Every structure is written in structure tokens, then in C-alpha cells.
Amino acid sequence: MRHLEKDQLARLTPCRFERIEEVATALAEVHVELVLIHPFREGNGRISRLLSVLMALQAGLPPLDFSALQGVQRERYFAAVQAGMDRDYQPMTRIFREVISRTLASCKR
């Protein structure tokens, strides 16, 4: 937890990046690292998503919509967490780009 605080949280929060790509990258890194260190098997995704929503709000985005992360997408999410074990945050960054895009599109309706 101390490493997360001194590295990712110190660098990436408050999340005030202007470009969506920068926001997605920051969200992905913090999300994966928190999922990997959270002490409980159940609940770590919920806490990580809650932190992602907070960071998105800091960046001026609306609350993120994670509802599409079901079925096949859920397996893709787990694979992205696995990739993060090797500090490869690109798969999770792609997922967050999609979440942000879907969230923004639903706000325009």
C-alpha cells in the first residue's frame, strides 16, 4: 500500500490530465496496482472502480459506466489485470478508453 501511495497515487492524483488518453493511462495503472495489492479476493474490483470514478471526476469526466464489463468483456478485464502483473498497463488502458468513450456517449443522449 505504501508503494502505491508513494508511486502511483503521488504521481497520478489528483487526476487533472487534459487528454483522455492520459486519463485512461492513469486510471489503468492505479486500478491494476490497487487490484493487485488489495488484501481481499472479493471487493478489490469494486474499491478499484470506486477510486477510478473519483479520479475521473477529478479529471472533469462524469461518473464512469462499467456496466459493459460482463461476459467476454469480464474475461478481457481479468486478462488486463494479469498483464498488469508485469507492469503492462496497455490492455487496461484500452479498457478504460472504452469505458470513458461509452460513458461520454451515454451522457450525450
N, C-alpha and C. Protein backbone atom coordinates (compact mmCIF):
# COMPACT_ATOMS: atom_id res chain seq x y z
N MET A 1 0.83 -1.19 0.00
CA MET A 1 0.00 0.00 0.00
C MET A 1 0.88 1.25 0.00
N ARG A 2 1.95 1.19 0.76
CA ARG A 2 2.85 2.34 0.82
C ARG A 2 3.45 2.64 -0.56
N HIS A 3 3.80 1.56 -1.29
CA HIS A 3 4.36 1.74 -2.63
C HIS A 3 3.32 2.39 -3.55
N LEU A 4 2.08 1.93 -3.48
CA LEU A 4 1.01 2.53 -4.29
C LEU A 4 0.86 4.01 -3.97
N GLU A 5 0.88 4.33 -2.69
CA GLU A 5 0.73 5.72 -2.27
C GLU A 5 1.89 6.59 -2.75
N LYS A 6 3.12 6.09 -2.59
CA LYS A 6 4.30 6.90 -2.93
C LYS A 6 4.59 6.94 -4.42
N ASP A 7 4.12 5.95 -5.15
CA ASP A 7 4.39 5.94 -6.59
C ASP A 7 3.15 6.39 -7.37
N GLN A 8 2.21 5.49 -7.61
CA GLN A 8 1.07 5.80 -8.47
C GLN A 8 0.22 6.95 -7.96
N LEU A 9 -0.19 6.89 -6.70
CA LEU A 9 -1.07 7.96 -6.20
C LEU A 9 -0.37 9.31 -6.14
N ALA A 10 0.90 9.32 -5.77
CA ALA A 10 1.64 10.59 -5.72
C ALA A 10 1.80 11.20 -7.12
N ARG A 11 1.99 10.35 -8.12
CA ARG A 11 2.19 10.84 -9.49
C ARG A 11 0.89 11.16 -10.22
N LEU A 12 -0.14 10.40 -9.93
CA LEU A 12 -1.32 10.41 -10.80
C LEU A 12 -2.59 11.00 -10.17
N THR A 13 -2.50 11.40 -8.90
CA THR A 13 -3.65 12.06 -8.28
C THR A 13 -3.18 13.35 -7.63
N PRO A 14 -4.00 14.37 -7.61
CA PRO A 14 -5.30 14.39 -8.27
C PRO A 14 -5.14 14.23 -9.78
N CYS A 15 -6.09 13.59 -10.38
CA CYS A 15 -6.05 13.25 -11.81
C CYS A 15 -6.58 14.45 -12.59
N ARG A 16 -5.68 15.29 -13.02
CA ARG A 16 -6.09 16.52 -13.71
C ARG A 16 -5.52 16.61 -15.13
N PHE A 17 -5.39 15.46 -15.76
CA PHE A 17 -4.87 15.42 -17.13
C PHE A 17 -5.93 15.95 -18.08
N GLU A 18 -5.48 16.58 -19.14
CA GLU A 18 -6.42 17.18 -20.09
C GLU A 18 -6.85 16.21 -21.18
N ARG A 19 -5.93 15.35 -21.60
CA ARG A 19 -6.24 14.43 -22.70
C ARG A 19 -6.82 13.13 -22.15
N ILE A 20 -7.83 12.61 -22.84
CA ILE A 20 -8.49 11.36 -22.44
C ILE A 20 -7.47 10.22 -22.36
N GLU A 21 -6.55 10.19 -23.28
CA GLU A 21 -5.54 9.12 -23.29
C GLU A 21 -4.71 9.15 -22.00
N GLU A 22 -4.35 10.34 -21.53
CA GLU A 22 -3.60 10.46 -20.28
C GLU A 22 -4.44 10.01 -19.09
N VAL A 23 -5.71 10.37 -19.10
CA VAL A 23 -6.61 9.97 -18.02
C VAL A 23 -6.75 8.44 -18.02
N ALA A 24 -6.98 7.86 -19.19
CA ALA A 24 -7.14 6.40 -19.29
C ALA A 24 -5.88 5.68 -18.81
N THR A 25 -4.72 6.20 -19.15
CA THR A 25 -3.46 5.59 -18.72
C THR A 25 -3.31 5.66 -17.20
N ALA A 26 -3.63 6.81 -16.62
CA ALA A 26 -3.54 6.98 -15.17
C ALA A 26 -4.53 6.05 -14.46
N LEU A 27 -5.75 6.00 -14.96
CA LEU A 27 -6.77 5.14 -14.36
C LEU A 27 -6.34 3.68 -14.42
N ALA A 28 -5.81 3.28 -15.56
CA ALA A 28 -5.40 1.88 -15.73
C ALA A 28 -4.31 1.49 -14.75
N GLU A 29 -3.30 2.31 -14.63
CA GLU A 29 -2.18 1.98 -13.75
C GLU A 29 -2.62 1.90 -12.29
N VAL A 30 -3.34 2.90 -11.83
CA VAL A 30 -3.79 2.90 -10.43
C VAL A 30 -4.75 1.74 -10.19
N HIS A 31 -5.66 1.52 -11.12
CA HIS A 31 -6.64 0.45 -10.97
C HIS A 31 -5.95 -0.91 -10.83
N VAL A 32 -5.06 -1.22 -11.74
CA VAL A 32 -4.38 -2.52 -11.71
C VAL A 32 -3.58 -2.68 -10.43
N GLU A 33 -2.82 -1.66 -10.06
CA GLU A 33 -1.98 -1.78 -8.87
C GLU A 33 -2.83 -1.97 -7.61
N LEU A 34 -3.95 -1.28 -7.51
CA LEU A 34 -4.80 -1.46 -6.34
C LEU A 34 -5.44 -2.85 -6.33
N VAL A 35 -5.90 -3.32 -7.47
CA VAL A 35 -6.47 -4.67 -7.55
C VAL A 35 -5.43 -5.70 -7.09
N LEU A 36 -4.19 -5.51 -7.50
CA LEU A 36 -3.15 -6.49 -7.18
C LEU A 36 -2.74 -6.49 -5.71
N ILE A 37 -2.90 -5.38 -5.01
CA ILE A 37 -2.46 -5.36 -3.61
C ILE A 37 -3.60 -5.47 -2.62
N HIS A 38 -4.83 -5.32 -3.08
CA HIS A 38 -5.98 -5.36 -2.16
C HIS A 38 -6.00 -6.71 -1.45
N PRO A 39 -6.15 -6.72 -0.14
CA PRO A 39 -5.99 -7.96 0.62
C PRO A 39 -7.14 -8.97 0.51
N PHE A 40 -8.27 -8.57 -0.04
CA PHE A 40 -9.41 -9.47 -0.09
C PHE A 40 -9.71 -9.87 -1.53
N ARG A 41 -9.99 -11.14 -1.72
CA ARG A 41 -10.30 -11.63 -3.07
C ARG A 41 -11.56 -10.97 -3.61
N GLU A 42 -12.58 -10.87 -2.79
CA GLU A 42 -13.83 -10.23 -3.19
C GLU A 42 -13.80 -8.77 -2.75
N GLY A 43 -14.20 -7.89 -3.63
CA GLY A 43 -14.28 -6.48 -3.26
C GLY A 43 -13.18 -5.62 -3.82
N ASN A 44 -12.08 -6.23 -4.24
CA ASN A 44 -10.98 -5.40 -4.72
C ASN A 44 -11.34 -4.67 -6.01
N GLY A 45 -12.11 -5.31 -6.88
CA GLY A 45 -12.54 -4.63 -8.11
C GLY A 45 -13.47 -3.47 -7.82
N ARG A 46 -14.38 -3.66 -6.87
CA ARG A 46 -15.32 -2.59 -6.51
C ARG A 46 -14.58 -1.37 -5.96
N ILE A 47 -13.63 -1.60 -5.07
CA ILE A 47 -12.87 -0.50 -4.49
C ILE A 47 -12.04 0.19 -5.58
N SER A 48 -11.44 -0.61 -6.46
CA SER A 48 -10.64 -0.03 -7.54
C SER A 48 -11.49 0.77 -8.51
N ARG A 49 -12.69 0.27 -8.82
CA ARG A 49 -13.60 1.04 -9.69
C ARG A 49 -14.04 2.33 -9.02
N LEU A 50 -14.29 2.28 -7.73
CA LEU A 50 -14.68 3.48 -6.99
C LEU A 50 -13.57 4.54 -7.06
N LEU A 51 -12.33 4.11 -6.87
CA LEU A 51 -11.20 5.04 -6.99
C LEU A 51 -11.10 5.58 -8.42
N SER A 52 -11.36 4.73 -9.41
CA SER A 52 -11.34 5.17 -10.81
C SER A 52 -12.39 6.24 -11.07
N VAL A 53 -13.57 6.06 -10.49
CA VAL A 53 -14.63 7.07 -10.64
C VAL A 53 -14.19 8.38 -10.01
N LEU A 54 -13.61 8.32 -8.84
CA LEU A 54 -13.12 9.53 -8.18
C LEU A 54 -12.06 10.23 -9.04
N MET A 55 -11.12 9.46 -9.57
CA MET A 55 -10.09 10.06 -10.42
C MET A 55 -10.69 10.66 -11.69
N ALA A 56 -11.69 9.98 -12.27
CA ALA A 56 -12.36 10.51 -13.46
C ALA A 56 -13.05 11.83 -13.14
N LEU A 57 -13.70 11.91 -11.99
CA LEU A 57 -14.33 13.16 -11.57
C LEU A 57 -13.30 14.27 -11.42
N GLN A 58 -12.13 13.94 -10.87
CA GLN A 58 -11.05 14.92 -10.75
C GLN A 58 -10.63 15.45 -12.12
N ALA A 59 -10.71 14.58 -13.14
CA ALA A 59 -10.33 14.96 -14.50
C ALA A 59 -11.46 15.66 -15.24
N GLY A 60 -12.58 15.87 -14.57
CA GLY A 60 -13.70 16.57 -15.20
C GLY A 60 -14.63 15.68 -15.99
N LEU A 61 -14.51 14.37 -15.81
CA LEU A 61 -15.39 13.43 -16.50
C LEU A 61 -16.58 13.09 -15.61
N PRO A 62 -17.65 12.60 -16.22
CA PRO A 62 -18.79 12.15 -15.40
C PRO A 62 -18.44 10.81 -14.75
N PRO A 63 -19.27 10.35 -13.81
CA PRO A 63 -19.03 9.03 -13.20
C PRO A 63 -18.98 7.95 -14.28
N LEU A 64 -17.99 7.10 -14.20
CA LEU A 64 -17.76 6.09 -15.23
C LEU A 64 -18.80 4.98 -15.19
N ASP A 65 -19.13 4.49 -16.36
CA ASP A 65 -20.10 3.41 -16.51
C ASP A 65 -19.34 2.12 -16.84
N PHE A 66 -19.26 1.22 -15.88
CA PHE A 66 -18.55 -0.05 -16.04
C PHE A 66 -19.49 -1.20 -16.41
N SER A 67 -20.74 -0.89 -16.72
CA SER A 67 -21.75 -1.93 -16.92
C SER A 67 -21.43 -2.90 -18.07
N ALA A 68 -20.65 -2.50 -19.03
CA ALA A 68 -20.34 -3.37 -20.17
C ALA A 68 -19.28 -4.41 -19.86
N LEU A 69 -18.68 -4.34 -18.68
CA LEU A 69 -17.63 -5.30 -18.34
C LEU A 69 -18.24 -6.59 -17.79
N GLN A 70 -18.98 -7.27 -18.64
CA GLN A 70 -19.61 -8.53 -18.29
C GLN A 70 -19.32 -9.54 -19.38
N GLY A 71 -19.53 -10.82 -19.09
CA GLY A 71 -19.35 -11.87 -20.08
C GLY A 71 -17.93 -11.90 -20.61
N VAL A 72 -17.80 -11.87 -21.91
CA VAL A 72 -16.48 -11.91 -22.56
C VAL A 72 -15.63 -10.72 -22.13
N GLN A 73 -16.26 -9.59 -21.97
CA GLN A 73 -15.52 -8.39 -21.56
C GLN A 73 -14.93 -8.56 -20.16
N ARG A 74 -15.61 -9.30 -19.33
CA ARG A 74 -15.09 -9.56 -17.97
C ARG A 74 -13.81 -10.37 -18.04
N GLU A 75 -13.77 -11.34 -18.94
CA GLU A 75 -12.55 -12.14 -19.13
C GLU A 75 -11.42 -11.27 -19.66
N ARG A 76 -11.75 -10.36 -20.53
CA ARG A 76 -10.75 -9.41 -21.05
C ARG A 76 -10.22 -8.54 -19.92
N TYR A 77 -11.10 -8.13 -19.02
CA TYR A 77 -10.70 -7.34 -17.86
C TYR A 77 -9.72 -8.13 -16.99
N PHE A 78 -10.04 -9.40 -16.72
CA PHE A 78 -9.13 -10.22 -15.90
C PHE A 78 -7.78 -10.41 -16.59
N ALA A 79 -7.79 -10.55 -17.91
CA ALA A 79 -6.54 -10.67 -18.66
C ALA A 79 -5.73 -9.37 -18.55
N ALA A 80 -6.41 -8.24 -18.53
CA ALA A 80 -5.73 -6.95 -18.40
C ALA A 80 -5.10 -6.81 -17.02
N VAL A 81 -5.78 -7.30 -15.99
CA VAL A 81 -5.19 -7.30 -14.64
C VAL A 81 -3.95 -8.19 -14.63
N GLN A 82 -4.06 -9.37 -15.26
CA GLN A 82 -2.90 -10.28 -15.35
C GLN A 82 -1.72 -9.59 -16.03
N ALA A 83 -1.97 -8.89 -17.11
CA ALA A 83 -0.90 -8.18 -17.83
C ALA A 83 -0.24 -7.15 -16.91
N GLY A 84 -1.04 -6.54 -16.05
CA GLY A 84 -0.52 -5.55 -15.11
C GLY A 84 0.46 -6.12 -14.12
N MET A 85 0.42 -7.43 -13.91
CA MET A 85 1.39 -8.05 -13.01
C MET A 85 2.82 -7.87 -13.54
N ASP A 86 2.93 -7.71 -14.86
CA ASP A 86 4.23 -7.45 -15.50
C ASP A 86 4.39 -5.98 -15.84
N ARG A 87 3.59 -5.13 -15.20
CA ARG A 87 3.60 -3.68 -15.42
C ARG A 87 3.22 -3.30 -16.85
N ASP A 88 2.47 -4.16 -17.51
CA ASP A 88 1.95 -3.87 -18.84
C ASP A 88 0.52 -3.36 -18.64
N TYR A 89 0.37 -2.04 -18.68
CA TYR A 89 -0.92 -1.41 -18.41
C TYR A 89 -1.72 -1.13 -19.68
N GLN A 90 -1.17 -1.46 -20.85
CA GLN A 90 -1.84 -1.15 -22.11
C GLN A 90 -3.20 -1.84 -22.25
N PRO A 91 -3.31 -3.14 -21.92
CA PRO A 91 -4.65 -3.74 -22.04
C PRO A 91 -5.70 -3.05 -21.17
N MET A 92 -5.32 -2.67 -19.95
CA MET A 92 -6.27 -1.98 -19.07
C MET A 92 -6.51 -0.55 -19.57
N THR A 93 -5.51 0.07 -20.14
CA THR A 93 -5.70 1.40 -20.72
C THR A 93 -6.74 1.36 -21.83
N ARG A 94 -6.67 0.32 -22.68
CA ARG A 94 -7.68 0.18 -23.75
C ARG A 94 -9.08 0.02 -23.16
N ILE A 95 -9.19 -0.76 -22.10
CA ILE A 95 -10.49 -0.94 -21.45
C ILE A 95 -11.00 0.39 -20.91
N PHE A 96 -10.12 1.15 -20.25
CA PHE A 96 -10.56 2.44 -19.71
C PHE A 96 -10.90 3.43 -20.82
N ARG A 97 -10.20 3.39 -21.94
CA ARG A 97 -10.57 4.25 -23.06
C ARG A 97 -12.00 3.95 -23.50
N GLU A 98 -12.33 2.66 -23.58
CA GLU A 98 -13.67 2.25 -23.97
C GLU A 98 -14.71 2.66 -22.93
N VAL A 99 -14.38 2.47 -21.66
CA VAL A 99 -15.30 2.86 -20.58
C VAL A 99 -15.57 4.37 -20.65
N ILE A 100 -14.51 5.15 -20.83
CA ILE A 100 -14.66 6.61 -20.91
C ILE A 100 -15.51 6.99 -22.13
N SER A 101 -15.22 6.39 -23.28
CA SER A 101 -15.97 6.69 -24.50
C SER A 101 -17.44 6.35 -24.35
N ARG A 102 -17.72 5.17 -23.77
CA ARG A 102 -19.11 4.74 -23.56
C ARG A 102 -19.81 5.67 -22.58
N THR A 103 -19.11 6.08 -21.53
CA THR A 103 -19.67 6.99 -20.54
C THR A 103 -20.02 8.33 -21.18
N LEU A 104 -19.09 8.87 -21.94
CA LEU A 104 -19.33 10.17 -22.59
C LEU A 104 -20.46 10.08 -23.61
N ALA A 105 -20.51 8.97 -24.35
CA ALA A 105 -21.58 8.80 -25.34
C ALA A 105 -22.94 8.74 -24.65
N SER A 106 -23.02 8.07 -23.51
CA SER A 106 -24.31 7.95 -22.83
C SER A 106 -24.74 9.28 -22.21
N CYS A 107 -23.79 10.14 -21.92
CA CYS A 107 -24.13 11.46 -21.37
C CYS A 107 -24.70 12.39 -22.44
N LYS A 108 -24.36 12.12 -23.70
CA LYS A 108 -24.82 12.98 -24.79
C LYS A 108 -26.25 12.65 -25.22
N ARG A 109 -26.73 11.50 -24.79
CA ARG A 109 -28.10 11.09 -25.21
C ARG A 109 -29.15 11.90 -24.55
